Protein backbone atom coordinates (compact mmCIF):
# COMPACT_ATOMS: atom_id res chain seq x y z
CA MET A 1 -15.99 22.38 -52.38
CA GLU A 2 -13.21 21.90 -49.89
CA SER A 3 -12.76 18.41 -48.51
CA ARG A 4 -12.54 18.15 -44.79
CA ARG A 5 -10.51 15.62 -42.95
CA PRO A 6 -12.45 13.92 -40.20
CA ILE A 7 -11.37 14.88 -36.73
CA PRO A 8 -10.37 11.78 -34.79
CA LEU A 9 -12.54 11.14 -31.77
CA TYR A 10 -9.60 9.92 -29.75
CA SER A 11 -6.08 11.19 -29.94
CA ARG A 12 -3.14 9.15 -28.73
CA LYS A 13 -3.08 11.26 -25.56
CA ALA A 14 -6.79 10.63 -24.99
CA ASP A 15 -6.18 6.89 -25.49
CA GLN A 16 -3.50 7.01 -22.82
CA SER A 17 -5.87 8.78 -20.44
CA VAL A 18 -8.51 6.14 -21.08
CA ASP A 19 -5.90 3.45 -20.32
CA VAL A 20 -4.99 5.12 -17.02
CA ILE A 21 -8.63 5.42 -16.01
CA ALA A 22 -9.27 1.79 -16.96
CA ARG A 23 -6.30 0.66 -14.86
CA LEU A 24 -7.52 2.70 -11.89
CA ALA A 25 -10.97 1.14 -12.20
CA GLU A 26 -9.48 -2.36 -12.04
CA PRO A 27 -8.29 -3.13 -8.51
CA ALA A 28 -4.73 -4.28 -7.91
CA ARG A 29 -4.43 -7.94 -7.00
CA ILE A 30 -2.64 -9.00 -3.84
CA GLU A 31 -0.79 -11.80 -5.65
CA CYS A 32 1.02 -9.14 -7.72
CA VAL A 33 3.17 -7.95 -4.80
CA GLY A 34 6.00 -9.57 -2.89
CA PRO A 35 5.65 -11.73 0.21
CA ILE A 36 6.55 -9.08 2.79
CA ALA A 37 4.05 -6.63 1.28
CA VAL A 38 1.36 -9.34 1.18
CA ARG A 39 1.96 -10.23 4.82
CA PHE A 40 1.77 -6.56 5.79
CA ILE A 41 -1.48 -5.97 3.88
CA TYR A 42 -3.01 -8.99 5.64
CA SER A 43 -1.62 -7.65 8.92
CA LEU A 44 -3.34 -4.31 8.28
CA ARG A 45 -6.60 -6.14 7.66
CA LEU A 46 -6.19 -8.20 10.82
CA ILE A 47 -5.42 -5.07 12.86
CA ALA A 48 -8.54 -3.39 11.44
CA VAL A 49 -10.73 -6.36 12.41
CA HIS A 50 -9.31 -6.35 15.94
CA GLU A 51 -9.74 -2.58 16.29
CA HIS A 52 -13.35 -2.88 15.16
CA ALA A 53 -13.92 -5.58 17.80
CA ARG A 54 -11.98 -3.50 20.37
CA LEU A 55 -9.45 -6.30 20.87
CA ASP A 56 -5.67 -6.24 21.04
CA PRO A 57 -4.20 -7.74 17.84
CA VAL A 58 -0.72 -8.47 19.22
CA ALA A 59 -1.22 -12.13 20.17
CA GLU A 60 -2.90 -13.21 16.93
CA LEU A 61 -0.57 -11.11 14.81
CA SER A 62 2.45 -12.70 16.53
CA VAL A 63 1.11 -16.19 15.87
CA ARG A 64 0.23 -15.47 12.22
CA LEU A 65 3.56 -13.77 11.50
CA GLY A 66 5.54 -16.28 13.56
CA SER A 67 7.42 -13.57 15.38
CA VAL A 68 6.77 -11.02 18.10
CA THR A 69 9.35 -8.75 16.45
CA ALA A 70 7.54 -8.88 13.09
CA ALA A 71 4.21 -8.25 14.84
CA SER A 72 5.67 -5.26 16.66
CA ALA A 73 7.15 -3.85 13.46
CA SER A 74 3.83 -4.36 11.64
CA LEU A 75 1.96 -2.57 14.40
CA GLY A 76 4.51 0.25 14.35
CA LEU A 77 4.18 0.80 10.60
CA ALA A 78 0.38 0.47 10.73
CA SER A 79 0.21 3.04 13.53
CA ALA A 80 2.46 5.46 11.63
CA ILE A 81 0.39 5.07 8.47
CA ALA A 82 -2.81 5.68 10.42
CA ARG A 83 -1.33 8.87 11.93
CA PHE A 84 0.13 10.26 8.72
CA TRP A 85 -2.33 9.18 6.01
CA PRO A 86 -4.39 12.14 4.76
CA GLU A 87 -7.71 10.33 5.36
CA ASP A 88 -9.04 7.08 6.79
CA ILE A 89 -7.34 4.12 5.14
CA GLN A 90 -9.62 1.98 3.01
CA ILE A 91 -9.06 -1.71 3.73
CA SER A 92 -10.54 -4.70 1.91
CA ARG A 93 -12.02 -7.67 3.69
CA PHE A 94 -9.52 -10.14 5.05
CA CYS A 95 -10.41 -12.80 2.47
CA CYS A 96 -10.39 -10.43 -0.55
CA ARG A 97 -7.60 -10.80 -3.12
CA ALA A 98 -8.28 -7.34 -4.57
CA MET A 99 -6.56 -4.41 -2.89
CA THR A 100 -7.99 -0.95 -2.35
CA HIS A 101 -6.04 1.99 -3.77
CA ASP A 102 -4.72 2.68 -0.26
CA GLU A 103 -3.59 -0.92 0.15
CA ALA A 104 -1.93 -0.88 -3.28
CA THR A 105 -0.04 2.30 -2.36
CA ILE A 106 1.00 0.84 1.00
CA ALA A 107 2.09 -2.40 -0.68
CA ALA A 108 4.21 -0.36 -3.11
CA MET A 109 5.75 1.46 -0.13
CA VAL A 110 6.73 -1.85 1.44
CA GLU A 111 8.07 -3.15 -1.87
CA HIS A 112 10.29 -0.07 -2.24
CA ALA A 113 11.54 -0.53 1.32
CA CYS A 114 12.28 -4.21 0.62
CA ASP A 115 14.39 -3.19 -2.36
CA ARG A 116 15.96 -0.25 -0.45
CA ARG A 117 14.63 2.18 -3.09
CA ARG A 118 14.20 5.25 -0.92
CA ARG A 119 13.85 7.73 -3.78
CA GLU A 120 10.97 5.72 -5.30
CA PHE A 121 9.40 5.43 -1.83
CA GLU A 122 9.56 9.21 -1.40
CA ASN A 123 8.29 9.85 -4.94
CA LEU A 124 5.34 7.51 -4.35
CA LEU A 125 4.24 9.57 -1.34
CA ALA A 126 5.16 13.03 -2.68
CA GLY A 127 2.17 15.33 -2.44
CA LEU A 128 0.27 12.82 -0.32
CA ILE A 129 2.24 13.03 2.92
CA ARG A 130 4.56 15.74 4.26
CA PRO A 131 8.27 15.03 3.66
CA ALA A 132 9.17 14.84 7.37
CA ARG A 133 6.49 12.20 7.84
CA VAL A 134 7.68 10.27 4.78
CA VAL A 135 11.05 9.90 6.51
CA LYS A 136 9.33 8.40 9.57
CA LEU A 137 7.32 6.02 7.36
CA TRP A 138 10.53 4.95 5.64
CA ASP A 139 12.12 4.17 9.02
CA HIS A 140 9.10 2.08 10.09
CA ALA A 141 9.01 0.30 6.73
CA ILE A 142 12.70 -0.59 7.02
CA GLU A 143 12.08 -1.90 10.57
CA LEU A 144 9.35 -4.13 9.16
CA VAL A 145 11.61 -5.44 6.38
CA VAL A 146 14.41 -6.20 8.85
CA ALA A 147 12.01 -7.95 11.26
CA GLU A 148 10.50 -10.01 8.44
CA SER A 149 13.94 -10.87 7.05
CA HIS A 150 15.19 -12.18 10.37
CA GLY A 151 12.04 -14.20 11.01
């Protein structure tokens, strides 16, 4: 009688897939990104609340960010994202420390812009947004970083 080796239920590759799925199931935390990305995610949430209430967010955004220039740059990037994103952006509640997948991607975009890592920014959005639109998002993200840096 020939002895048979048991077939492993999970291969290393399967384990890696399980790890990826587990990480996707666990939401990203807002405290894991830099200050400019955090401020922008909260700005997005504030803009969403104001849009839902049919109010203009400029005044409150300017007060919260401490700068009309930063508020304008935030609104510019938020508007560009809303135009170019392939579907409606999923936003968490203002008080929530967990980020949606959209917010985590947007936070990563801002982080890459903060670090002037254009290639990583483009790679992050490859296949999600058309290349010509990625260039426009990069420009808006850089405007935000400059406005936030100059306070």
